């Protein structure tokens, strides 16, 4: 029984880790490209939902930081 519980825990962790890795990789690629970074774009390219992204505090902070950095580097149109 304990072995079964352990396998369930491992499967649950893997279900959490896979989308997290996809989102982190997507975020790195978008940052390299230098294009606009939005929650919608990260979610679409990583294959995760926006609501899931918003619940991931660390990813949310990275997206906000990169989005703010990209906005401050954008040339002014005035």
PDB file of N, CA and C in Angstrom:
ATOM      1  N   UNK A   1       0.816  -1.197   0.000  1.00  0.00           N
ATOM      2  CA  UNK A   1       0.000   0.000   0.000  1.00  0.00           C
ATOM      3  C   UNK A   1       0.864   1.267   0.000  1.00  0.00           C
ATOM      4  N   UNK A   2       1.937   1.267   0.792  1.00  0.00           N
ATOM      5  CA  UNK A   2       2.804   2.434   0.859  1.00  0.00           C
ATOM      6  C   UNK A   2       3.469   2.693  -0.487  1.00  0.00           C
ATOM      7  N   UNK A   3       3.794   1.624  -1.216  1.00  0.00           N
ATOM      8  CA  UNK A   3       4.415   1.754  -2.526  1.00  0.00           C
ATOM      9  C   UNK A   3       3.443   2.431  -3.507  1.00  0.00           C
ATOM     10  N   UNK A   4       2.193   2.077  -3.409  1.00  0.00           N
ATOM     11  CA  UNK A   4       1.172   2.668  -4.278  1.00  0.00           C
ATOM     12  C   UNK A   4       1.007   4.162  -3.989  1.00  0.00           C
ATOM     13  N   UNK A   5       1.014   4.518  -2.741  1.00  0.00           N
ATOM     14  CA  UNK A   5       0.894   5.917  -2.340  1.00  0.00           C
ATOM     15  C   UNK A   5       2.094   6.711  -2.852  1.00  0.00           C
ATOM     16  N   UNK A   6       3.263   6.136  -2.749  1.00  0.00           N
ATOM     17  CA  UNK A   6       4.467   6.798  -3.235  1.00  0.00           C
ATOM     18  C   UNK A   6       4.392   7.023  -4.746  1.00  0.00           C
ATOM     19  N   UNK A   7       3.921   6.028  -5.490  1.00  0.00           N
ATOM     20  CA  UNK A   7       3.782   6.173  -6.950  1.00  0.00           C
ATOM     21  C   UNK A   7       2.772   7.262  -7.291  1.00  0.00           C
ATOM     22  N   UNK A   8       1.706   7.351  -6.526  1.00  0.00           N
ATOM     23  CA  UNK A   8       0.711   8.409  -6.752  1.00  0.00           C
ATOM     24  C   UNK A   8       1.314   9.788  -6.491  1.00  0.00           C
ATOM     25  N   UNK A   9       2.107   9.903  -5.451  1.00  0.00           N
ATOM     26  CA  UNK A   9       2.778  11.177  -5.159  1.00  0.00           C
ATOM     27  C   UNK A   9       3.732  11.565  -6.284  1.00  0.00           C
ATOM     28  N   UNK A  10       4.487  10.590  -6.766  1.00  0.00           N
ATOM     29  CA  UNK A  10       5.431  10.863  -7.852  1.00  0.00           C
ATOM     30  C   UNK A  10       4.699  11.282  -9.125  1.00  0.00           C
ATOM     31  N   UNK A  11       3.589  10.626  -9.426  1.00  0.00           N
ATOM     32  CA  UNK A  11       2.808  10.981 -10.611  1.00  0.00           C
ATOM     33  C   UNK A  11       2.231  12.383 -10.479  1.00  0.00           C
ATOM     34  N   UNK A  12       1.783  12.718  -9.300  1.00  0.00           N
ATOM     35  CA  UNK A  12       1.243  14.054  -9.055  1.00  0.00           C
ATOM     36  C   UNK A  12       2.329  15.113  -9.228  1.00  0.00           C
ATOM     37  N   UNK A  13       3.502  14.838  -8.724  1.00  0.00           N
ATOM     38  CA  UNK A  13       4.620  15.774  -8.855  1.00  0.00           C
ATOM     39  C   UNK A  13       5.013  15.942 -10.320  1.00  0.00           C
ATOM     40  N   UNK A  14       5.012  14.847 -11.068  1.00  0.00           N
ATOM     41  CA  UNK A  14       5.360  14.909 -12.490  1.00  0.00           C
ATOM     42  C   UNK A  14       4.326  15.732 -13.261  1.00  0.00           C
ATOM     43  N   UNK A  15       3.045  15.594 -12.898  1.00  0.00           N
ATOM     44  CA  UNK A  15       1.998  16.389 -13.559  1.00  0.00           C
ATOM     45  C   UNK A  15       2.172  17.869 -13.266  1.00  0.00           C
ATOM     46  N   UNK A  16       2.756  18.208 -12.156  1.00  0.00           N
ATOM     47  CA  UNK A  16       3.016  19.606 -11.822  1.00  0.00           C
ATOM     48  C   UNK A  16       4.290  20.104 -12.505  1.00  0.00           C
ATOM     49  N   UNK A  17       5.313  19.273 -12.530  1.00  0.00           N
ATOM     50  CA  UNK A  17       6.618  19.687 -13.056  1.00  0.00           C
ATOM     51  C   UNK A  17       6.625  19.888 -14.567  1.00  0.00           C
ATOM     52  N   UNK A  18       5.919  19.063 -15.308  1.00  0.00           N
ATOM     53  CA  UNK A  18       5.955  19.137 -16.775  1.00  0.00           C
ATOM     54  C   UNK A  18       5.474  20.498 -17.294  1.00  0.00           C
ATOM     55  N   UNK A  19       4.305  20.980 -16.907  1.00  0.00           N
ATOM     56  CA  UNK A  19       3.886  22.298 -17.406  1.00  0.00           C
ATOM     57  C   UNK A  19       4.760  23.429 -16.876  1.00  0.00           C
ATOM     58  N   UNK A  20       5.294  23.259 -15.687  1.00  0.00           N
ATOM     59  CA  UNK A  20       6.180  24.277 -15.132  1.00  0.00           C
ATOM     60  C   UNK A  20       7.439  24.400 -15.992  1.00  0.00           C
ATOM     61  N   UNK A  21       8.021  23.272 -16.377  1.00  0.00           N
ATOM     62  CA  UNK A  21       9.203  23.293 -17.250  1.00  0.00           C
ATOM     63  C   UNK A  21       8.868  23.898 -18.614  1.00  0.00           C
ATOM     64  N   UNK A  22       7.718  23.534 -19.173  1.00  0.00           N
ATOM     65  CA  UNK A  22       7.331  24.091 -20.476  1.00  0.00           C
ATOM     66  C   UNK A  22       7.183  25.601 -20.392  1.00  0.00           C
ATOM     67  N   UNK A  23       6.551  26.078 -19.331  1.00  0.00           N
ATOM     68  CA  UNK A  23       6.351  27.523 -19.174  1.00  0.00           C
ATOM     69  C   UNK A  23       7.683  28.245 -18.976  1.00  0.00           C
ATOM     70  N   UNK A  24       8.579  27.679 -18.182  1.00  0.00           N
ATOM     71  CA  UNK A  24       9.890  28.295 -17.964  1.00  0.00           C
ATOM     72  C   UNK A  24      10.689  28.340 -19.258  1.00  0.00           C
ATOM     73  N   UNK A  25      10.669  27.250 -20.028  1.00  0.00           N
ATOM     74  CA  UNK A  25      11.390  27.225 -21.309  1.00  0.00           C
ATOM     75  C   UNK A  25      10.804  28.241 -22.281  1.00  0.00           C
ATOM     76  N   UNK A  26       9.500  28.326 -22.329  1.00  0.00           N
ATOM     77  CA  UNK A  26       8.835  29.294 -23.208  1.00  0.00           C
ATOM     78  C   UNK A  26       9.218  30.704 -22.811  1.00  0.00           C
ATOM     79  N   UNK A  27       9.229  30.976 -21.537  1.00  0.00           N
ATOM     80  CA  UNK A  27       9.572  32.304 -21.049  1.00  0.00           C
ATOM     81  C   UNK A  27      11.010  32.667 -21.440  1.00  0.00           C
ATOM     82  N   UNK A  28      11.931  31.721 -21.309  1.00  0.00           N
ATOM     83  CA  UNK A  28      13.318  31.956 -21.710  1.00  0.00           C
ATOM     84  C   UNK A  28      13.419  32.249 -23.205  1.00  0.00           C
ATOM     85  N   UNK A  29      12.711  31.481 -24.005  1.00  0.00           N
ATOM     86  CA  UNK A  29      12.744  31.687 -25.458  1.00  0.00           C
ATOM     87  C   UNK A  29      12.162  33.039 -25.838  1.00  0.00           C
ATOM     88  N   UNK A  30      11.064  33.425 -25.221  1.00  0.00           N
ATOM     89  CA  UNK A  30      10.453  34.715 -25.523  1.00  0.00           C
ATOM     90  C   UNK A  30      11.366  35.863 -25.103  1.00  0.00           C
ATOM     91  N   UNK A  31      12.046  35.703 -23.983  1.00  0.00           N
ATOM     92  CA  UNK A  31      12.965  36.747 -23.518  1.00  0.00           C
ATOM     93  C   UNK A  31      14.132  36.896 -24.490  1.00  0.00           C
ATOM     94  N   UNK A  32      14.619  35.779 -25.035  1.00  0.00           N
ATOM     95  CA  UNK A  32      15.710  35.826 -26.009  1.00  0.00           C
ATOM     96  C   UNK A  32      15.289  36.532 -27.288  1.00  0.00           C
ATOM     97  N   UNK A  33      14.068  36.225 -27.737  1.00  0.00           N
ATOM     98  CA  UNK A  33      13.560  36.815 -28.976  1.00  0.00           C
ATOM     99  C   UNK A  33      13.361  38.316 -28.843  1.00  0.00           C
ATOM    100  N   UNK A  34      13.034  38.747 -27.640  1.00  0.00           N
ATOM    101  CA  UNK A  34      12.860  40.172 -27.401  1.00  0.00           C
ATOM    102  C   UNK A  34      11.491  40.706 -27.749  1.00  0.00           C
ATOM    103  N   UNK A  35      10.549  39.861 -28.085  1.00  0.00           N
ATOM    104  CA  UNK A  35       9.201  40.312 -28.398  1.00  0.00           C
ATOM    105  C   UNK A  35       8.394  40.591 -27.143  1.00  0.00           C
ATOM    106  N   UNK A  36       7.153  40.974 -27.324  1.00  0.00           N
ATOM    107  CA  UNK A  36       6.307  41.246 -26.160  1.00  0.00           C
ATOM    108  C   UNK A  36       6.039  39.970 -25.361  1.00  0.00           C
ATOM    109  N   UNK A  37       6.086  40.100 -24.066  1.00  0.00           N
ATOM    110  CA  UNK A  37       5.835  38.965 -23.177  1.00  0.00           C
ATOM    111  C   UNK A  37       4.533  39.231 -22.441  1.00  0.00           C
ATOM    112  N   UNK A  38       3.557  38.386 -22.703  1.00  0.00           N
ATOM    113  CA  UNK A  38       2.257  38.512 -22.054  1.00  0.00           C
ATOM    114  C   UNK A  38       1.865  37.156 -21.485  1.00  0.00           C
ATOM    115  N   UNK A  39       0.944  37.177 -20.542  1.00  0.00           N
ATOM    116  CA  UNK A  39       0.458  35.921 -19.977  1.00  0.00           C
ATOM    117  C   UNK A  39      -0.200  35.075 -21.064  1.00  0.00           C
ATOM    118  N   UNK A  40      -0.942  35.719 -21.938  1.00  0.00           N
ATOM    119  CA  UNK A  40      -1.621  34.989 -23.013  1.00  0.00           C
ATOM    120  C   UNK A  40      -0.601  34.290 -23.921  1.00  0.00           C
ATOM    121  N   UNK A  41       0.425  34.999 -24.313  1.00  0.00           N
ATOM    122  CA  UNK A  41       1.428  34.433 -25.219  1.00  0.00           C
ATOM    123  C   UNK A  41       2.185  33.284 -24.560  1.00  0.00           C
ATOM    124  N   UNK A  42       2.597  33.467 -23.315  1.00  0.00           N
ATOM    125  CA  UNK A  42       3.308  32.403 -22.602  1.00  0.00           C
ATOM    126  C   UNK A  42       2.397  31.181 -22.476  1.00  0.00           C
ATOM    127  N   UNK A  43       1.148  31.401 -22.112  1.00  0.00           N
ATOM    128  CA  UNK A  43       0.206  30.288 -21.938  1.00  0.00           C
ATOM    129  C   UNK A  43       0.004  29.530 -23.249  1.00  0.00           C
ATOM    130  N   UNK A  44      -0.212  30.260 -24.331  1.00  0.00           N
ATOM    131  CA  UNK A  44      -0.453  29.612 -25.616  1.00  0.00           C
ATOM    132  C   UNK A  44       0.757  28.812 -26.076  1.00  0.00           C
ATOM    133  N   UNK A  45       1.932  29.400 -25.988  1.00  0.00           N
ATOM    134  CA  UNK A  45       3.132  28.732 -26.483  1.00  0.00           C
ATOM    135  C   UNK A  45       3.587  27.583 -25.583  1.00  0.00           C
ATOM    136  N   UNK A  46       3.277  27.664 -24.286  1.00  0.00           N
ATOM    137  CA  UNK A  46       3.669  26.599 -23.357  1.00  0.00           C
ATOM    138  C   UNK A  46       2.602  25.515 -23.252  1.00  0.00           C
ATOM    139  N   UNK A  47       1.412  25.800 -23.755  1.00  0.00           N
ATOM    140  CA  UNK A  47       0.337  24.813 -23.669  1.00  0.00           C
ATOM    141  C   UNK A  47      -0.251  24.698 -22.274  1.00  0.00           C
ATOM    142  N   UNK A  48      -0.318  25.821 -21.576  1.00  0.00           N
ATOM    143  CA  UNK A  48      -0.919  25.850 -20.241  1.00  0.00           C
ATOM    144  C   UNK A  48      -2.003  26.922 -20.233  1.00  0.00           C
ATOM    145  N   UNK A  49      -2.823  26.923 -19.211  1.00  0.00           N
ATOM    146  CA  UNK A  49      -3.870  27.936 -19.133  1.00  0.00           C
ATOM    147  C   UNK A  49      -3.334  29.198 -18.460  1.00  0.00           C
ATOM    148  N   UNK A  50      -3.962  30.315 -18.786  1.00  0.00           N
ATOM    149  CA  UNK A  50      -3.565  31.567 -18.143  1.00  0.00           C
ATOM    150  C   UNK A  50      -3.851  31.517 -16.651  1.00  0.00           C
ATOM    151  N   UNK A  51      -4.963  30.908 -16.276  1.00  0.00           N
ATOM    152  CA  UNK A  51      -5.283  30.839 -14.844  1.00  0.00           C
ATOM    153  C   UNK A  51      -4.222  30.035 -14.093  1.00  0.00           C
ATOM    154  N   UNK A  52      -3.694  28.990 -14.710  1.00  0.00           N
ATOM    155  CA  UNK A  52      -2.625  28.220 -14.079  1.00  0.00           C
ATOM    156  C   UNK A  52      -1.389  29.094 -13.909  1.00  0.00           C
ATOM    157  N   UNK A  53      -1.058  29.882 -14.955  1.00  0.00           N
ATOM    158  CA  UNK A  53       0.103  30.776 -14.865  1.00  0.00           C
ATOM    159  C   UNK A  53      -0.051  31.772 -13.720  1.00  0.00           C
ATOM    160  N   UNK A  54      -1.235  32.349 -13.598  1.00  0.00           N
ATOM    161  CA  UNK A  54      -1.468  33.337 -12.545  1.00  0.00           C
ATOM    162  C   UNK A  54      -1.304  32.730 -11.154  1.00  0.00           C
ATOM    163  N   UNK A  55      -1.540  31.437 -11.015  1.00  0.00           N
ATOM    164  CA  UNK A  55      -1.409  30.786  -9.705  1.00  0.00           C
ATOM    165  C   UNK A  55       0.025  30.402  -9.370  1.00  0.00           C
ATOM    166  N   UNK A  56       0.929  30.470 -10.336  1.00  0.00           N
ATOM    167  CA  UNK A  56       2.341  30.129 -10.114  1.00  0.00           C
ATOM    168  C   UNK A  56       3.090  31.409  -9.767  1.00  0.00           C
ATOM    169  N   UNK A  57       3.252  31.655  -8.493  1.00  0.00           N
ATOM    170  CA  UNK A  57       3.809  32.930  -8.028  1.00  0.00           C
ATOM    171  C   UNK A  57       5.165  33.264  -8.643  1.00  0.00           C
ATOM    172  N   UNK A  58       6.050  32.286  -8.713  1.00  0.00           N
ATOM    173  CA  UNK A  58       7.391  32.547  -9.235  1.00  0.00           C
ATOM    174  C   UNK A  58       7.329  32.903 -10.727  1.00  0.00           C
ATOM    175  N   UNK A  59       6.562  32.141 -11.491  1.00  0.00           N
ATOM    176  CA  UNK A  59       6.425  32.443 -12.920  1.00  0.00           C
ATOM    177  C   UNK A  59       5.742  33.790 -13.131  1.00  0.00           C
ATOM    178  N   UNK A  60       4.744  34.048 -12.326  1.00  0.00           N
ATOM    179  CA  UNK A  60       4.020  35.320 -12.440  1.00  0.00           C
ATOM    180  C   UNK A  60       4.967  36.497 -12.225  1.00  0.00           C
ATOM    181  N   UNK A  61       5.823  36.379 -11.231  1.00  0.00           N
ATOM    182  CA  UNK A  61       6.782  37.448 -10.946  1.00  0.00           C
ATOM    183  C   UNK A  61       7.767  37.614 -12.111  1.00  0.00           C
ATOM    184  N   UNK A  62       8.219  36.496 -12.687  1.00  0.00           N
ATOM    185  CA  UNK A  62       9.149  36.573 -13.817  1.00  0.00           C
ATOM    186  C   UNK A  62       8.486  37.221 -15.030  1.00  0.00           C
ATOM    187  N   UNK A  63       7.247  36.843 -15.302  1.00  0.00           N
ATOM    188  CA  UNK A  63       6.535  37.423 -16.441  1.00  0.00           C
ATOM    189  C   UNK A  63       6.340  38.918 -16.227  1.00  0.00           C
ATOM    190  N   UNK A  64       5.918  39.299 -15.038  1.00  0.00           N
ATOM    191  CA  UNK A  64       5.730  40.724 -14.749  1.00  0.00           C
ATOM    192  C   UNK A  64       7.044  41.492 -14.904  1.00  0.00           C
ATOM    193  N   UNK A  65       8.120  40.930 -14.406  1.00  0.00           N
ATOM    194  CA  UNK A  65       9.420  41.601 -14.494  1.00  0.00           C
ATOM    195  C   UNK A  65       9.861  41.742 -15.948  1.00  0.00           C
ATOM    196  N   UNK A  66       9.765  40.671 -16.711  1.00  0.00           N
ATOM    197  CA  UNK A  66      10.166  40.725 -18.122  1.00  0.00           C
ATOM    198  C   UNK A  66       9.265  41.655 -18.924  1.00  0.00           C
ATOM    199  N   UNK A  67       7.995  41.663 -18.593  1.00  0.00           N
ATOM    200  CA  UNK A  67       7.058  42.542 -19.289  1.00  0.00           C
ATOM    201  C   UNK A  67       7.390  43.996 -18.985  1.00  0.00           C
ATOM    202  N   UNK A  68       7.695  44.295 -17.729  1.00  0.00           N
ATOM    203  CA  UNK A  68       8.065  45.655 -17.346  1.00  0.00           C
ATOM    204  C   UNK A  68       9.385  46.074 -17.987  1.00  0.00           C
ATOM    205  N   UNK A  69      10.340  45.151 -18.053  1.00  0.00           N
ATOM    206  CA  UNK A  69      11.631  45.441 -18.667  1.00  0.00           C
ATOM    207  C   UNK A  69      11.461  45.721 -20.154  1.00  0.00           C
ATOM    208  N   UNK A  70      10.662  44.927 -20.827  1.00  0.00           N
ATOM    209  CA  UNK A  70      10.433  45.119 -22.264  1.00  0.00           C
ATOM    210  C   UNK A  70       9.725  46.441 -22.525  1.00  0.00           C
ATOM    211  N   UNK A  71       8.814  46.821 -21.653  1.00  0.00           N
ATOM    212  CA  UNK A  71       8.086  48.075 -21.807  1.00  0.00           C
ATOM    213  C   UNK A  71       9.020  49.262 -21.621  1.00  0.00           C
ATOM    214  N   UNK A  72       9.925  49.171 -20.650  1.00  0.00           N
ATOM    215  CA  UNK A  72      10.835  50.287 -20.394  1.00  0.00           C
ATOM    216  C   UNK A  72      11.893  50.416 -21.492  1.00  0.00           C
ATOM    217  N   UNK A  73      12.179  49.323 -22.222  1.00  0.00           N
ATOM    218  CA  UNK A  73      13.157  49.375 -23.301  1.00  0.00           C
ATOM    219  C   UNK A  73      12.538  49.771 -24.638  1.00  0.00           C
ATOM    220  N   UNK A  74      11.211  49.719 -24.716  1.00  0.00           N
ATOM    221  CA  UNK A  74      10.537  50.033 -25.973  1.00  0.00           C
ATOM    222  C   UNK A  74      10.745  51.502 -26.323  1.00  0.00           C
ATOM    223  N   UNK A  75      11.022  51.782 -27.593  1.00  0.00           N
ATOM    224  CA  UNK A  75      11.231  53.185 -27.997  1.00  0.00           C
ATOM    225  C   UNK A  75       9.938  53.984 -27.870  1.00  0.00           C
ATOM    226  N   UNK A  76      10.105  55.194 -27.491  1.00  0.00           N
ATOM    227  CA  UNK A  76       8.957  56.081 -27.340  1.00  0.00           C
ATOM    228  C   UNK A  76       8.438  56.503 -28.717  1.00  0.00           C
ATOM    229  N   UNK A  77       7.116  56.575 -28.861  1.00  0.00           N
ATOM    230  CA  UNK A  77       6.528  56.960 -30.144  1.00  0.00           C
ATOM    231  C   UNK A  77       6.132  58.424 -30.166  1.00  0.00           C
ATOM    232  N   UNK A  78       6.540  59.165 -29.176  1.00  0.00           N
ATOM    233  CA  UNK A  78       6.163  60.589 -29.121  1.00  0.00           C
ATOM    234  C   UNK A  78       7.144  61.440 -29.873  1.00  0.00           C
TER     235      UNK A  78
END
